């Protein structure tokens, strides 16, 4: 018979009864008379003649314990064979404004801009950073000359962990997974010849985010740029570090204080810069489902809003600069539904929970990156197709900016050739496919709208659990999101290993092939960075550095209270800026904060 998910069973050697077909068709839905006739006159006989695909025949197909074929999304969500108006709420036609709306109008399911991409294409932002600031600067110029209109900085592991390149903990990692930035001098070199008042830059940095942002702002200052005109995005999402990526330095509470400091400072001094990009990308890379990525990311956003409101800022004073960052995985329709649901959920959260009045406070603005975790070292050229599919989903979902991975990134940092193919993939989508000509072209699809509604409802169910725990910080301390993601990751990996989920070139259609040429970073980068640090420490004023670091420690020891000028007296950002101007290094500044805040280990 047909079960409630619309999957196929074969009782009595494939003899099907009309009653079993109708039972499935009417489970939790109200099919039309035409659909019932189709099931009786067409579907019933077709299923009797040709069973649906067995295990391993297609992605997402397996059999349950009874031997019935079962179709699911990558996240394990059951998928019916056919969707009709019977799968949507009964009042769908009468209340489409609430469910769907129109582009540029609440609830923004169809996009935040009335003209979609007709007025402006998404920003084609390439994530790049490797070896030294000098080498990465050359790559940035190569990408900009090739048509990229935004940059996204990848930092190496020591930088992500707040360590200088000559720190013993940095050995073997300098410049390997991104660019090494130790000081203001390095940041100036990174952007030599790149005007920061006309180039949007995103920086993927979290625990030491305020320090790297301070370096960036001082470079802009030295270029003569007005901070009021500088635009870009700082990732600065510490909650997802505790949940997924694990690159944190301090305990959750003082780390949240640093994030709020940047939000407060940005609202006052950098009105065009997004001081946070609340990131689901790394949550998904850690193995979450699409729904978990959506719900945990948006609830992280709720947590940041709550903490910033407690600082005394008005919601419409900072919320317009909140931005988000999502993953684009392989399940095409599930990903599109995720983005559409995210806009709708965030609109409801900001209006119903926080009372935002400025429409921009309710807009879900997001960047997307194709799924690094989906790339395979086996047959890496297959990744070009994966990236194109994922990028198309992001565009159809209405992303504001997009990064496409290089096909060789499962093996190493991308070569110039791989970076160029990734950028050309976006340009082909923009200029040759026609997808930018129509706003939300899949809107109204029964399947897509059902997935979108289910995502929305599922997110609010998870919100209720997190509210009951006392918020995301409390949930992290209890290990709740970490456990949920670990279980989802295990379930998916098991499905792959058992052949229930197919990865082409890995567990099906495998073959021996020679690996492509990859980018190799040797230890000379650390030697060069160490030499630069030695020269810097010899030439700067040690007294000025220590004076600035002492002032930062004293500010960090105080509890910030909102001041009348809109920036708390103990906001750490002005003191970090002074440290940067005095040529204190990244490691010195992070260590000074660590002396006050301490460290944290996950239970």
Protein backbone atom coordinates (compact mmCIF):
# COMPACT_ATOMS: atom_id res chain seq x y z
CA UNK A 1 0.00 0.00 0.00
CA UNK A 2 0.95 3.69 0.04
CA UNK A 3 1.96 5.05 3.43
CA UNK A 4 1.47 8.57 4.79
CA UNK A 5 4.70 9.82 3.22
CA UNK A 6 3.54 8.78 -0.23
CA UNK A 7 6.03 5.94 -0.53
CA UNK A 8 5.46 2.61 -2.15
CA UNK A 9 4.93 -0.82 -0.63
CA UNK A 10 4.28 -4.13 -2.35
CA UNK A 11 2.01 -6.36 -0.22
CA UNK A 12 1.06 -9.76 -1.62
CA UNK A 13 3.72 -9.75 -4.34
CA UNK A 14 2.69 -6.41 -5.75
CA UNK A 15 -1.10 -6.90 -5.76
CA UNK A 16 -2.45 -3.52 -4.78
CA UNK A 17 -5.89 -2.68 -3.49
CA UNK A 18 -7.84 0.44 -4.26
CA UNK A 19 -8.39 0.86 -0.53
CA UNK A 20 -4.65 0.98 0.17
CA UNK A 21 -4.06 3.59 -2.55
CA UNK A 22 -6.89 5.78 -1.25
CA UNK A 23 -5.76 5.41 2.36
CA UNK A 24 -2.41 6.89 1.47
CA UNK A 25 -3.88 9.59 -0.71
CA UNK A 26 -6.17 10.90 2.04
CA UNK A 27 -3.75 10.64 4.99
CA UNK A 28 -3.44 14.13 6.54
CA UNK A 29 -4.67 15.76 3.33
CA UNK A 30 -7.82 16.32 1.28
CA UNK A 31 -7.21 15.38 -2.37
CA UNK A 32 -9.42 16.62 -5.17
CA UNK A 33 -11.78 14.33 -7.04
CA UNK A 34 -9.44 14.55 -10.03
CA UNK A 35 -6.46 13.35 -7.97
CA UNK A 36 -8.50 10.46 -6.58
CA UNK A 37 -9.47 9.41 -10.11
CA UNK A 38 -5.81 9.62 -11.17
CA UNK A 39 -4.82 7.36 -8.28
CA UNK A 40 -7.51 4.80 -9.10
CA UNK A 41 -7.26 4.81 -12.87
CA UNK A 42 -3.56 5.50 -13.48
CA UNK A 43 -1.38 5.22 -10.38
CA UNK A 44 -2.77 1.93 -9.06
CA UNK A 45 -2.05 -0.04 -12.20
CA UNK A 46 1.33 1.63 -12.76
CA UNK A 47 2.53 0.64 -9.28
CA UNK A 48 1.34 -2.92 -9.79
CA UNK A 49 3.38 -3.18 -12.99
CA UNK A 50 6.51 -1.29 -11.97
CA UNK A 51 7.67 -1.04 -8.34
CA UNK A 52 9.34 2.19 -7.37
CA UNK A 53 13.13 2.25 -7.34
CA UNK A 54 14.93 -0.12 -4.98
CA UNK A 55 17.79 0.73 -2.64
CA UNK A 56 20.72 2.48 -4.32
CA UNK A 57 18.84 3.34 -7.50
CA UNK A 58 18.76 7.07 -6.82
CA UNK A 59 19.84 9.55 -4.21
CA UNK A 60 17.57 9.45 -1.18
CA UNK A 61 15.93 6.09 -1.99
CA UNK A 62 16.09 3.22 0.47
CA UNK A 63 13.81 0.67 2.07
CA UNK A 64 12.32 0.67 5.53
CA UNK A 65 12.09 -2.36 7.84
CA UNK A 66 9.06 -3.69 5.95
CA UNK A 67 10.96 -3.55 2.68
CA UNK A 68 9.02 -0.57 1.34
CA UNK A 69 10.74 1.97 -0.90
CA UNK A 70 11.31 5.25 0.94
CA UNK A 71 12.26 8.58 -0.57
CA UNK A 72 13.75 11.38 1.55
CA UNK A 73 15.64 14.63 1.26
CA UNK A 74 19.30 14.75 2.23
CA UNK A 75 18.09 15.73 5.71
CA UNK A 76 15.94 12.61 5.95
CA UNK A 77 12.59 14.36 5.44
CA UNK A 78 10.10 11.98 3.75
CA UNK A 79 9.09 13.02 0.22
CA UNK A 80 5.79 12.17 -1.44
CA UNK A 81 5.71 11.15 -5.10
CA UNK A 82 3.31 13.98 -6.01
CA UNK A 83 2.33 17.27 -4.43
CA UNK A 84 -0.91 19.08 -5.15
CA UNK A 85 -3.04 21.77 -3.54
CA UNK A 86 -4.12 19.07 -1.07
CA UNK A 87 -0.69 19.37 0.60
CA UNK A 88 -1.16 23.07 1.38
CA UNK A 89 -3.34 24.61 4.13
CA UNK A 90 -7.04 24.71 3.36
CA UNK A 91 -7.05 28.52 3.46
CA UNK A 92 -4.06 28.83 1.11
CA UNK A 93 -5.96 30.60 -1.66
CA UNK A 94 -7.70 33.02 0.72
CA UNK A 95 -4.57 33.89 2.73
CA UNK A 96 -1.75 33.90 0.21
CA UNK A 97 -0.67 37.29 1.48
CA UNK A 98 0.18 35.76 4.86
CA UNK A 99 1.67 32.56 3.48
CA UNK A 100 3.45 33.84 0.39
CA UNK A 101 3.12 37.57 -0.17
CA UNK A 102 4.76 39.50 -2.99
CA UNK A 103 8.41 40.47 -3.51
CA UNK A 104 9.51 43.36 -1.36
CA UNK A 105 6.54 43.00 0.98
CA UNK A 106 6.03 41.08 4.23
CA UNK A 107 6.48 38.27 5.03
CA UNK A 108 9.23 38.39 2.36
CA UNK A 109 8.87 34.73 1.38
CA UNK A 110 9.42 35.81 -2.22
CA UNK A 111 12.32 38.14 -1.49
CA UNK A 112 13.12 41.45 0.18
CA UNK A 113 13.58 43.42 -3.06
CA UNK A 114 10.58 44.27 -5.30
CA UNK A 115 12.58 43.71 -8.50
CA UNK A 116 14.66 40.71 -7.41
CA UNK A 117 17.88 40.52 -9.44
CA UNK A 118 16.51 42.66 -12.27
CA UNK A 119 17.74 45.82 -10.56
CA UNK A 120 20.95 44.37 -9.14
CA UNK A 121 22.60 40.97 -9.33
CA UNK A 122 23.83 39.22 -6.23
CA UNK A 123 27.39 40.09 -5.16
CA UNK A 124 29.83 37.54 -6.56
CA UNK A 125 32.11 37.21 -3.59
CA UNK A 126 35.07 34.82 -3.77
CA UNK A 127 36.43 33.41 -0.49
CA UNK A 128 40.19 33.56 -0.70
CA UNK A 129 43.23 33.72 1.51
CA UNK A 130 46.43 31.70 1.63
CA UNK A 131 50.05 31.94 2.69
CA UNK A 132 51.26 35.53 3.15
CA UNK A 133 49.38 38.84 2.87
CA UNK A 134 51.45 39.62 -0.23
CA UNK A 135 50.38 36.45 -2.06
CA UNK A 136 46.74 36.84 -1.07
CA UNK A 137 46.74 40.46 -2.22
CA UNK A 138 47.83 39.24 -5.67
CA UNK A 139 44.99 36.68 -5.70
CA UNK A 140 42.46 39.39 -4.75
CA UNK A 141 43.57 41.57 -7.63
CA UNK A 142 43.33 38.55 -9.96
CA UNK A 143 39.74 37.89 -8.82
CA UNK A 144 38.69 41.55 -9.10
CA UNK A 145 40.15 41.78 -12.59
CA UNK A 146 38.24 38.59 -13.48
CA UNK A 147 34.88 40.13 -12.58
CA UNK A 148 34.41 39.47 -8.86
CA UNK A 149 32.74 42.46 -7.19
CA UNK A 150 33.36 41.54 -3.57
CA UNK A 151 36.08 39.88 -1.53
CA UNK A 152 35.82 37.41 1.33
CA UNK A 153 38.90 36.93 3.49
CA UNK A 154 39.92 33.44 4.62
CA UNK A 155 42.30 33.58 7.60
CA UNK A 156 44.68 30.83 8.63
CA UNK A 157 44.13 28.77 11.78
CA UNK A 158 46.54 30.70 14.04
CA UNK A 159 44.75 33.94 13.14
CA UNK A 160 41.37 32.33 13.78
CA UNK A 161 42.63 31.25 17.20
CA UNK A 162 44.13 34.64 18.09
CA UNK A 163 47.78 33.52 17.84
CA UNK A 164 50.73 35.25 16.22
CA UNK A 165 52.63 33.31 13.57
CA UNK A 166 55.68 32.93 15.82
CA UNK A 167 53.64 31.42 18.66
CA UNK A 168 54.70 27.78 19.29
CA UNK A 169 51.03 26.79 18.92
CA UNK A 170 51.09 28.10 15.32
CA UNK A 171 53.75 25.70 14.10
CA UNK A 172 52.70 23.79 10.99
CA UNK A 173 49.57 25.91 10.40
CA UNK A 174 50.77 29.35 9.28
CA UNK A 175 49.19 30.29 5.94
CA UNK A 176 47.88 26.77 5.36
CA UNK A 177 44.08 27.25 5.37
CA UNK A 178 44.03 31.01 4.86
CA UNK A 179 46.13 34.13 5.06
CA UNK A 180 48.30 34.89 8.11
CA UNK A 181 47.52 38.26 9.70
CA UNK A 182 49.58 39.21 12.75
CA UNK A 183 49.48 43.00 12.79
CA UNK A 184 48.25 46.21 11.23
CA UNK A 185 51.19 45.99 8.83
CA UNK A 186 49.88 42.68 7.48
CA UNK A 187 46.37 44.06 7.06
CA UNK A 188 47.73 47.05 5.13
CA UNK A 189 49.67 44.70 2.85
CA UNK A 190 46.57 42.53 2.33
CA UNK A 191 44.64 45.48 0.87
CA UNK A 192 47.42 47.35 -0.90
CA UNK A 193 45.96 48.87 -4.07
CA UNK A 194 42.40 47.88 -3.10
CA UNK A 195 40.30 50.91 -2.08
CA UNK A 196 38.20 50.00 0.95
CA UNK A 197 35.70 52.80 0.38
CA UNK A 198 34.55 51.18 -2.87
CA UNK A 199 35.20 47.44 -2.35
CA UNK A 200 32.92 45.37 -0.14
CA UNK A 201 34.91 42.96 2.00
CA UNK A 202 33.66 40.09 4.13
CA UNK A 203 35.95 38.70 6.83
CA UNK A 204 35.43 35.17 8.12
CA UNK A 205 36.71 35.65 11.64
CA UNK A 206 34.97 35.03 14.95
CA UNK A 207 36.61 34.89 18.37
CA UNK A 208 39.23 37.58 17.52
CA UNK A 209 36.77 39.36 15.20
CA UNK A 210 36.87 42.73 16.97
CA UNK A 211 40.69 42.81 16.67
CA UNK A 212 40.74 42.03 12.93
CA UNK A 213 37.92 44.50 12.35
CA UNK A 214 39.88 47.18 14.20
CA UNK A 215 42.88 46.49 11.94
CA UNK A 216 40.62 46.76 8.88
CA UNK A 217 39.12 50.07 10.03
CA UNK A 218 42.55 51.56 10.72
CA UNK A 219 43.70 50.51 7.23
CA UNK A 220 40.62 52.23 5.79
CA UNK A 221 41.45 55.28 7.94
CA UNK A 222 45.01 55.36 6.57
CA UNK A 223 43.67 55.09 3.02
CA UNK A 224 41.63 58.23 3.70
CA UNK A 225 38.29 56.38 3.62
CA UNK A 226 35.37 57.64 5.67
CA UNK A 227 34.17 54.94 8.08
CA UNK A 228 30.63 56.11 7.37
CA UNK A 229 31.07 54.94 3.76
CA UNK A 230 32.98 51.70 4.31
CA UNK A 231 30.82 48.64 3.61
CA UNK A 232 31.33 44.95 4.16
CA UNK A 233 30.63 42.20 6.66
CA UNK A 234 32.32 40.80 9.73
CA UNK A 235 31.33 37.23 10.54
CA UNK A 236 31.77 37.69 14.30
CA UNK A 237 29.34 34.85 15.18
CA UNK A 238 30.73 33.29 18.33
CA UNK A 239 27.67 31.17 19.16
CA UNK A 240 28.14 28.94 16.14
CA UNK A 241 31.74 28.38 17.24
CA UNK A 242 30.53 26.74 20.44
CA UNK A 243 27.86 24.86 18.50
CA UNK A 244 29.88 23.62 15.53
CA UNK A 245 33.29 24.96 14.56
CA UNK A 246 34.93 25.06 18.04
CA UNK A 247 37.26 28.01 17.36
CA UNK A 248 36.57 29.94 20.56
CA UNK A 249 38.97 31.63 22.98
CA UNK A 250 36.93 32.79 25.95
CA UNK A 251 33.82 31.61 27.87
CA UNK A 252 30.43 32.30 26.25
CA UNK A 253 29.41 35.32 28.36
CA UNK A 254 32.50 37.51 27.79
CA UNK A 255 32.57 36.40 24.16
CA UNK A 256 29.00 37.62 23.78
CA UNK A 257 30.05 40.89 25.41
CA UNK A 258 32.67 41.39 22.67
CA UNK A 259 30.05 40.77 19.97
CA UNK A 260 27.68 43.29 21.53
CA UNK A 261 30.57 45.78 21.72
CA UNK A 262 31.00 45.53 17.94
CA UNK A 263 27.26 45.84 17.31
CA UNK A 264 27.09 48.94 19.50
CA UNK A 265 30.22 50.46 17.96
CA UNK A 266 29.07 49.70 14.43
CA UNK A 267 25.65 51.27 14.95
CA UNK A 268 27.43 54.47 15.97
CA UNK A 269 30.42 54.65 13.62
CA UNK A 270 30.02 52.32 10.59
CA UNK A 271 26.39 52.52 9.43
CA UNK A 272 27.06 50.71 6.13
CA UNK A 273 29.09 47.86 7.59
CA UNK A 274 27.48 44.65 8.87
CA UNK A 275 29.26 43.96 12.19
CA UNK A 276 27.93 40.39 12.33
CA UNK A 277 27.02 37.64 9.89
CA UNK A 278 25.05 35.06 11.84
CA UNK A 279 26.26 31.84 10.33
CA UNK A 280 24.49 28.58 9.68
CA UNK A 281 27.18 27.55 7.21
CA UNK A 282 29.43 25.89 9.75
CA UNK A 283 26.48 24.31 11.55
CA UNK A 284 25.59 22.56 8.28
CA UNK A 285 29.22 21.66 7.61
CA UNK A 286 29.27 19.94 11.01
CA UNK A 287 26.50 17.62 9.82
CA UNK A 288 23.20 19.29 10.73
CA UNK A 289 20.01 18.90 8.75
CA UNK A 290 18.68 21.83 6.74
CA UNK A 291 16.06 22.50 9.42
CA UNK A 292 18.64 22.46 12.21
CA UNK A 293 20.81 24.87 10.24
CA UNK A 294 17.84 27.21 9.79
CA UNK A 295 16.54 27.03 13.36
CA UNK A 296 19.84 27.18 15.25
CA UNK A 297 21.09 30.03 13.07
CA UNK A 298 18.00 32.17 13.49
CA UNK A 299 17.88 31.48 17.21
CA UNK A 300 21.50 32.59 17.44
CA UNK A 301 20.21 35.81 15.88
CA UNK A 302 17.53 36.02 18.55
CA UNK A 303 20.19 35.61 21.24
CA UNK A 304 22.31 38.43 19.81
CA UNK A 305 19.28 40.73 19.67
CA UNK A 306 18.36 39.89 23.28
CA UNK A 307 21.88 40.64 24.56
CA UNK A 308 22.13 43.88 22.57
CA UNK A 309 18.77 45.09 23.84
CA UNK A 310 20.01 44.49 27.39
CA UNK A 311 22.92 46.80 26.59
CA UNK A 312 20.29 49.51 26.10
CA UNK A 313 20.22 49.86 22.31
CA UNK A 314 16.88 50.24 20.51
CA UNK A 315 16.14 47.32 18.19
CA UNK A 316 15.80 49.54 15.12
CA UNK A 317 19.12 51.15 15.97
CA UNK A 318 21.14 48.02 15.19
CA UNK A 319 18.93 45.32 13.65
CA UNK A 320 19.08 46.73 10.09
CA UNK A 321 22.78 45.77 9.98
CA UNK A 322 22.31 42.17 11.09
CA UNK A 323 23.12 39.76 8.27
CA UNK A 324 23.14 35.99 7.87
CA UNK A 325 25.23 33.32 6.16
CA UNK A 326 23.84 30.00 4.95
CA UNK A 327 25.10 26.82 3.35
CA UNK A 328 23.96 25.64 -0.09
CA UNK A 329 23.88 21.84 -0.07
CA UNK A 330 22.94 19.31 -2.73
CA UNK A 331 19.20 18.79 -2.10
CA UNK A 332 17.99 21.42 -4.54
CA UNK A 333 14.40 22.04 -3.42
CA UNK A 334 15.10 21.64 0.28
CA UNK A 335 17.75 24.36 0.10
CA UNK A 336 15.49 26.80 -1.76
CA UNK A 337 12.73 26.19 0.78
CA UNK A 338 15.19 26.85 3.61
CA UNK A 339 16.07 30.32 2.32
CA UNK A 340 12.44 31.27 1.68
CA UNK A 341 11.39 30.06 5.13
CA UNK A 342 14.30 31.92 6.76
CA UNK A 343 13.03 35.28 5.49
CA UNK A 344 9.51 34.56 6.68
CA UNK A 345 10.60 33.33 10.12
CA UNK A 346 12.93 36.28 10.70
CA UNK A 347 10.17 38.74 9.73
CA UNK A 348 7.86 37.15 12.30
CA UNK A 349 10.55 37.09 14.98
CA UNK A 350 11.49 40.74 14.53
CA UNK A 351 7.92 42.05 14.42
CA UNK A 352 6.17 39.73 16.89
CA UNK A 353 8.95 39.09 19.39
CA UNK A 354 10.93 42.32 19.27
CA UNK A 355 8.45 44.89 17.95
CA UNK A 356 10.72 46.20 15.20
CA UNK A 357 9.19 49.07 13.22
CA UNK A 358 11.86 49.75 10.61
CA UNK A 359 11.25 47.39 7.65
CA UNK A 360 15.01 46.94 7.27
CA UNK A 361 15.13 45.44 10.76
CA UNK A 362 12.85 42.66 9.53
CA UNK A 363 14.73 41.85 6.33
CA UNK A 364 16.60 38.57 6.21
CA UNK A 365 19.71 39.57 4.25
CA UNK A 366 22.06 36.66 3.68
CA UNK A 367 25.22 35.46 1.99
CA UNK A 368 25.50 31.89 0.72
CA UNK A 369 28.45 29.61 0.17
CA UNK A 370 28.27 26.29 -1.61
CA UNK A 371 28.77 23.27 0.63
CA UNK A 372 32.41 22.47 1.20
CA UNK A 373 31.40 19.31 3.03
CA UNK A 374 29.72 18.01 -0.13
CA UNK A 375 32.91 18.18 -2.20
CA UNK A 376 34.76 14.94 -2.83
CA UNK A 377 38.45 14.21 -3.19
CA UNK A 378 37.47 11.36 -5.52
CA UNK A 379 36.82 12.54 -9.09
CA UNK A 380 37.10 16.21 -8.06
CA UNK A 381 35.89 17.49 -11.43
CA UNK A 382 32.44 16.21 -10.42
CA UNK A 383 32.45 19.02 -7.87
CA UNK A 384 31.95 21.56 -10.65
CA UNK A 385 28.47 20.12 -11.22
CA UNK A 386 27.75 20.02 -7.49
CA UNK A 387 28.77 23.65 -7.05
CA UNK A 388 26.67 24.78 -10.02
CA UNK A 389 23.60 23.00 -8.64
CA UNK A 390 24.12 24.47 -5.18
CA UNK A 391 24.71 27.97 -6.57
CA UNK A 392 21.51 27.75 -8.60
CA UNK A 393 19.57 26.84 -5.45
CA UNK A 394 21.05 29.85 -3.64
CA UNK A 395 20.06 32.18 -6.47
CA UNK A 396 16.54 30.76 -6.75
CA UNK A 397 16.29 31.18 -2.99
CA UNK A 398 17.12 34.88 -3.27
CA UNK A 399 20.62 35.23 -1.80
CA UNK A 400 22.20 38.69 -1.66
CA UNK A 401 25.75 37.44 -2.22
CA UNK A 402 27.31 34.15 -3.16
CA UNK A 403 30.62 32.33 -2.94
CA UNK A 404 31.19 29.26 -5.09
CA UNK A 405 33.78 26.70 -3.98
CA UNK A 406 36.68 25.59 -6.12
CA UNK A 407 36.43 22.03 -7.43
CA UNK A 408 39.72 21.10 -5.76
CA UNK A 409 38.90 22.32 -2.23
CA UNK A 410 38.46 18.80 -0.85
CA UNK A 411 42.19 18.40 -1.50
CA UNK A 412 43.71 21.82 -0.80
CA UNK A 413 43.16 25.55 -1.05
CA UNK A 414 41.92 26.35 -4.56
CA UNK A 415 44.32 27.01 -7.40
CA UNK A 416 43.83 30.03 -9.65
CA UNK A 417 42.21 27.80 -12.27
CA UNK A 418 39.73 26.39 -9.77
CA UNK A 419 38.92 29.86 -8.43
CA UNK A 420 38.28 31.10 -11.97
CA UNK A 421 35.93 28.19 -12.79
CA UNK A 422 34.04 28.90 -9.55
CA UNK A 423 33.60 32.56 -10.47
CA UNK A 424 32.62 31.73 -14.07
CA UNK A 425 29.94 29.39 -12.70
CA UNK A 426 28.26 32.37 -11.06
CA UNK A 427 28.65 34.53 -14.15
CA UNK A 428 27.08 31.86 -16.38
CA UNK A 429 24.14 31.58 -13.99
CA UNK A 430 23.72 35.36 -13.98
CA UNK A 431 24.05 36.03 -17.69
CA UNK A 432 23.17 32.84 -19.59
CA UNK A 433 20.58 30.87 -17.60
CA UNK A 434 17.73 33.39 -17.33
CA UNK A 435 17.25 32.75 -13.60
CA UNK A 436 17.87 36.41 -12.75
CA UNK A 437 15.03 37.55 -15.02
CA UNK A 438 12.14 36.38 -12.84
CA UNK A 439 11.57 36.91 -9.12
CA UNK A 440 11.11 33.67 -7.16
CA UNK A 441 10.36 31.63 -10.31
CA UNK A 442 9.49 28.49 -8.31
CA UNK A 443 7.02 30.30 -6.05
CA UNK A 444 3.64 28.56 -6.09
CA UNK A 445 5.10 25.10 -6.63
CA UNK A 446 3.08 22.76 -4.42
CA UNK A 447 6.20 20.86 -3.42
CA UNK A 448 8.29 23.95 -2.69
CA UNK A 449 5.54 25.72 -0.77
CA UNK A 450 4.92 22.62 1.36
CA UNK A 451 8.66 22.34 2.13
CA UNK A 452 8.77 26.05 2.98
CA UNK A 453 5.82 25.82 5.36
CA UNK A 454 7.25 22.73 7.04
CA UNK A 455 10.60 24.50 7.51
CA UNK A 456 8.88 27.48 9.09
CA UNK A 457 6.81 25.39 11.48
CA UNK A 458 9.78 23.19 12.37
CA UNK A 459 11.91 26.24 13.21
CA UNK A 460 9.36 27.57 15.69
CA UNK A 461 9.11 24.16 17.36
CA UNK A 462 12.88 24.23 17.94
CA UNK A 463 12.61 27.84 19.16
CA UNK A 464 10.18 26.68 21.84
CA UNK A 465 12.71 24.13 23.10
CA UNK A 466 15.48 26.72 23.20
CA UNK A 467 13.26 29.24 24.98
CA UNK A 468 12.47 26.63 27.62
CA UNK A 469 16.22 26.10 28.19
CA UNK A 470 16.75 29.80 28.81
CA UNK A 471 18.25 30.76 25.46
CA UNK A 472 21.08 29.63 23.23
CA UNK A 473 23.95 30.29 25.65
CA UNK A 474 22.27 28.06 28.25
CA UNK A 475 21.51 25.44 25.59
CA UNK A 476 25.16 25.44 24.47
CA UNK A 477 26.34 25.02 28.05
CA UNK A 478 23.97 22.04 28.34
CA UNK A 479 25.24 20.61 25.01
CA UNK A 480 21.82 20.53 23.32
CA UNK A 481 22.58 21.84 19.80
CA UNK A 482 25.91 19.99 19.72
CA UNK A 483 24.15 16.69 20.49
CA UNK A 484 21.41 17.26 17.91
CA UNK A 485 23.95 17.98 15.17
CA UNK A 486 26.12 15.00 16.10
CA UNK A 487 23.15 12.66 15.84
CA UNK A 488 22.10 14.09 12.45
CA UNK A 489 25.66 13.80 11.16
CA UNK A 490 25.88 10.18 12.30
CA UNK A 491 22.57 9.29 10.65
CA UNK A 492 23.67 10.76 7.32
CA UNK A 493 27.09 9.13 7.37
CA UNK A 494 25.54 5.78 8.17
CA UNK A 495 23.13 6.18 5.24
CA UNK A 496 26.08 6.89 2.94
CA UNK A 497 28.06 3.91 4.18
CA UNK A 498 25.05 1.61 3.75
CA UNK A 499 24.41 2.89 0.22
CA UNK A 500 21.08 4.50 1.06
CA UNK A 501 22.43 7.91 0.05
CA UNK A 502 24.49 7.93 -3.12
CA UNK A 503 27.58 10.09 -3.59
CA UNK A 504 28.63 9.77 -7.21
CA UNK A 505 32.25 8.76 -7.52
CA UNK A 506 32.46 7.68 -3.88
CA UNK A 507 29.99 4.91 -3.06
CA UNK A 508 28.71 4.52 -6.62
CA UNK A 509 30.39 4.98 -10.03
CA UNK A 510 33.81 5.00 -8.38
CA UNK A 511 36.99 4.83 -10.42
CA UNK A 512 40.69 5.38 -10.03
CA UNK A 513 41.82 8.80 -11.20
CA UNK A 514 44.91 10.93 -10.80
CA UNK A 515 44.51 13.88 -8.41
CA UNK A 516 44.72 17.35 -9.99
CA UNK A 517 47.51 19.81 -9.37
CA UNK A 518 46.93 21.49 -6.00
CA UNK A 519 48.20 24.55 -4.17
CA UNK A 520 50.91 23.75 -1.61
CA UNK A 521 51.94 26.09 1.20
CA UNK A 522 55.35 25.37 2.73
CA UNK A 523 56.91 26.49 6.01
CA UNK A 524 58.62 29.49 4.41
CA UNK A 525 55.46 31.51 5.13
CA UNK A 526 55.95 31.10 8.88
CA UNK A 527 59.61 32.07 8.56
CA UNK A 528 58.69 35.26 6.69
CA UNK A 529 55.90 36.18 9.13
CA UNK A 530 58.22 35.55 12.10
CA UNK A 531 60.86 37.84 10.59
CA UNK A 532 58.25 40.59 10.08
CA UNK A 533 57.10 40.28 13.69
CA UNK A 534 60.69 40.56 14.92
CA UNK A 535 61.19 43.77 12.90
CA UNK A 536 57.86 45.17 14.10
CA UNK A 537 58.61 44.62 17.78
CA UNK A 538 62.03 46.21 17.38
CA UNK A 539 60.73 49.33 15.63
CA UNK A 540 57.55 50.14 17.58
CA UNK A 541 57.27 51.86 20.96
CA UNK A 542 57.02 49.09 23.54
CA UNK A 543 55.86 51.60 26.13
CA UNK A 544 52.96 52.77 23.90
CA UNK A 545 51.95 49.14 23.24
CA UNK A 546 51.89 48.24 26.94
CA UNK A 547 50.00 51.42 27.81
CA UNK A 548 47.31 50.58 25.21
CA UNK A 549 47.08 46.95 26.36
CA UNK A 550 46.71 48.04 30.01
CA UNK A 551 43.86 50.37 29.07
CA UNK A 552 42.17 47.50 27.20
CA UNK A 553 42.48 45.21 30.24
CA UNK A 554 40.92 47.83 32.50
CA UNK A 555 38.03 48.35 30.07
CA UNK A 556 37.47 44.58 29.81
CA UNK A 557 37.27 44.32 33.61
CA UNK A 558 34.36 46.78 33.73
CA UNK A 559 30.73 45.95 32.99
CA UNK A 560 29.64 48.12 30.02
CA UNK A 561 26.64 50.35 30.53
CA UNK A 562 25.10 52.29 27.66
CA UNK A 563 26.35 55.87 27.56
CA UNK A 564 24.40 58.89 26.39
CA UNK A 565 26.40 59.09 23.17
CA UNK A 566 25.27 55.58 22.17
CA UNK A 567 28.53 53.76 23.01
CA UNK A 568 29.18 52.22 26.42
CA UNK A 569 32.03 53.72 28.41
CA UNK A 570 33.62 50.28 28.73
CA UNK A 571 33.03 49.22 25.12
CA UNK A 572 36.27 47.46 24.17
CA UNK A 573 36.33 48.57 20.51
CA UNK A 574 37.92 52.03 21.04
CA UNK A 575 40.60 50.46 23.23
CA UNK A 576 41.29 47.70 20.68
CA UNK A 577 41.64 50.38 18.01
CA UNK A 578 44.22 52.16 20.16
CA UNK A 579 46.13 48.89 20.56
CA UNK A 580 46.13 48.38 16.79
CA UNK A 581 47.34 51.93 16.14
CA UNK A 582 50.15 51.34 18.63
CA UNK A 583 51.15 48.26 16.55
CA UNK A 584 50.22 45.65 19.16
CA UNK A 585 49.94 42.23 17.51
CA UNK A 586 46.88 40.04 17.26
CA UNK A 587 48.27 37.59 19.79
CA UNK A 588 49.13 40.34 22.28
CA UNK A 589 45.65 41.86 22.14
CA UNK A 590 43.87 38.50 22.44
CA UNK A 591 46.13 37.49 25.33
CA UNK A 592 45.35 40.73 27.17
CA UNK A 593 41.64 40.01 26.89
CA UNK A 594 42.26 36.39 27.93
CA UNK A 595 43.93 37.57 31.15
CA UNK A 596 40.59 39.17 32.09
CA UNK A 597 38.07 36.77 30.55
CA UNK A 598 39.81 33.42 31.07
CA UNK A 599 39.32 30.36 28.85
CA UNK A 600 36.54 27.80 28.41
CA UNK A 601 36.33 24.08 27.75
CA UNK A 602 33.26 22.31 26.48
CA UNK A 603 31.66 19.93 28.97
